[in-house]
Protein backbone atom coordinates (compact mmCIF):
# COMPACT_ATOMS: atom_id res chain seq x y z
CA MET A 1 0.00 0.00 0.00
CA ARG A 2 1.01 3.58 -0.43
CA SER A 3 1.16 5.89 2.57
CA GLN A 4 -1.94 7.84 1.45
CA GLU A 5 -3.88 4.56 1.20
CA LEU A 6 -2.70 3.57 4.68
CA ILE A 7 -3.83 6.90 6.13
CA THR A 8 -7.26 6.50 4.51
CA ALA A 9 -7.64 2.88 5.68
CA MET A 10 -6.64 3.73 9.25
CA ALA A 11 -9.05 6.68 9.35
CA ASP A 12 -11.91 4.61 7.88
CA GLN A 13 -11.41 1.94 10.55
CA LYS A 14 -11.14 4.60 13.25
CA LEU A 15 -7.66 3.36 14.19
CA TRP A 16 -6.06 6.78 13.78
CA THR A 17 -6.93 10.44 13.33
CA SER A 18 -4.68 13.20 12.14
CA PRO A 19 -3.71 15.66 14.87
CA GLY A 20 -4.27 18.44 12.35
CA GLY A 21 -1.24 18.01 10.11
CA LYS A 22 -1.55 19.02 6.48
CA THR A 23 0.42 16.08 5.06
CA PRO A 24 0.00 13.03 7.31
CA HIS A 25 0.86 10.72 4.41
CA ALA A 26 4.26 12.42 4.02
CA THR A 27 4.92 12.05 7.76
CA LEU A 28 4.00 8.35 7.65
CA TYR A 29 6.12 7.80 4.53
CA ALA A 30 9.16 9.39 6.19
CA ALA A 31 8.66 7.38 9.38
CA MET A 32 8.43 4.10 7.47
CA LEU A 33 11.56 4.88 5.47
CA ARG A 34 13.40 5.89 8.63
CA GLU A 35 12.47 2.58 10.29
CA ILE A 36 13.59 0.58 7.24
CA ASN A 37 16.92 2.40 7.14
CA GLU A 38 17.57 2.09 10.87
CA LYS A 39 16.37 -1.45 11.55
CA LYS A 40 17.20 -3.07 8.18
CA ALA A 41 15.92 -6.68 8.24
CA ASP A 42 14.16 -6.14 11.59
CA ALA A 43 11.91 -3.36 10.23
CA ARG A 44 8.15 -3.96 10.27
CA PHE A 45 7.85 -2.72 6.68
CA LYS A 46 9.46 -3.49 3.36
CA LYS A 47 9.62 -1.08 0.44
CA VAL A 48 8.43 -2.96 -2.64
CA ASP A 49 8.16 -0.17 -5.20
CA ARG A 50 8.43 3.58 -5.46
CA GLY A 51 6.23 4.88 -2.68
CA GLN A 52 4.80 1.44 -1.95
CA PHE A 53 5.30 -0.67 1.17
CA GLU A 54 4.24 -4.02 2.54
CA PHE A 55 4.08 -5.30 6.09
CA ARG A 56 6.70 -7.91 6.96
CA LYS A 57 5.31 -10.97 8.65
């Protein structure tokens, strides 16, 4: 999924609400990339394409 799709899915399921930020998808994207870069193989996410991630099992 792309970060914008994740934000929409989380909001639809009432799992998350934006604290008023204008670009929550950009914040999520940056956080996911940061985790991938810092934790390498132990990261919860995997980048599979430009702007697209999947959850590691």
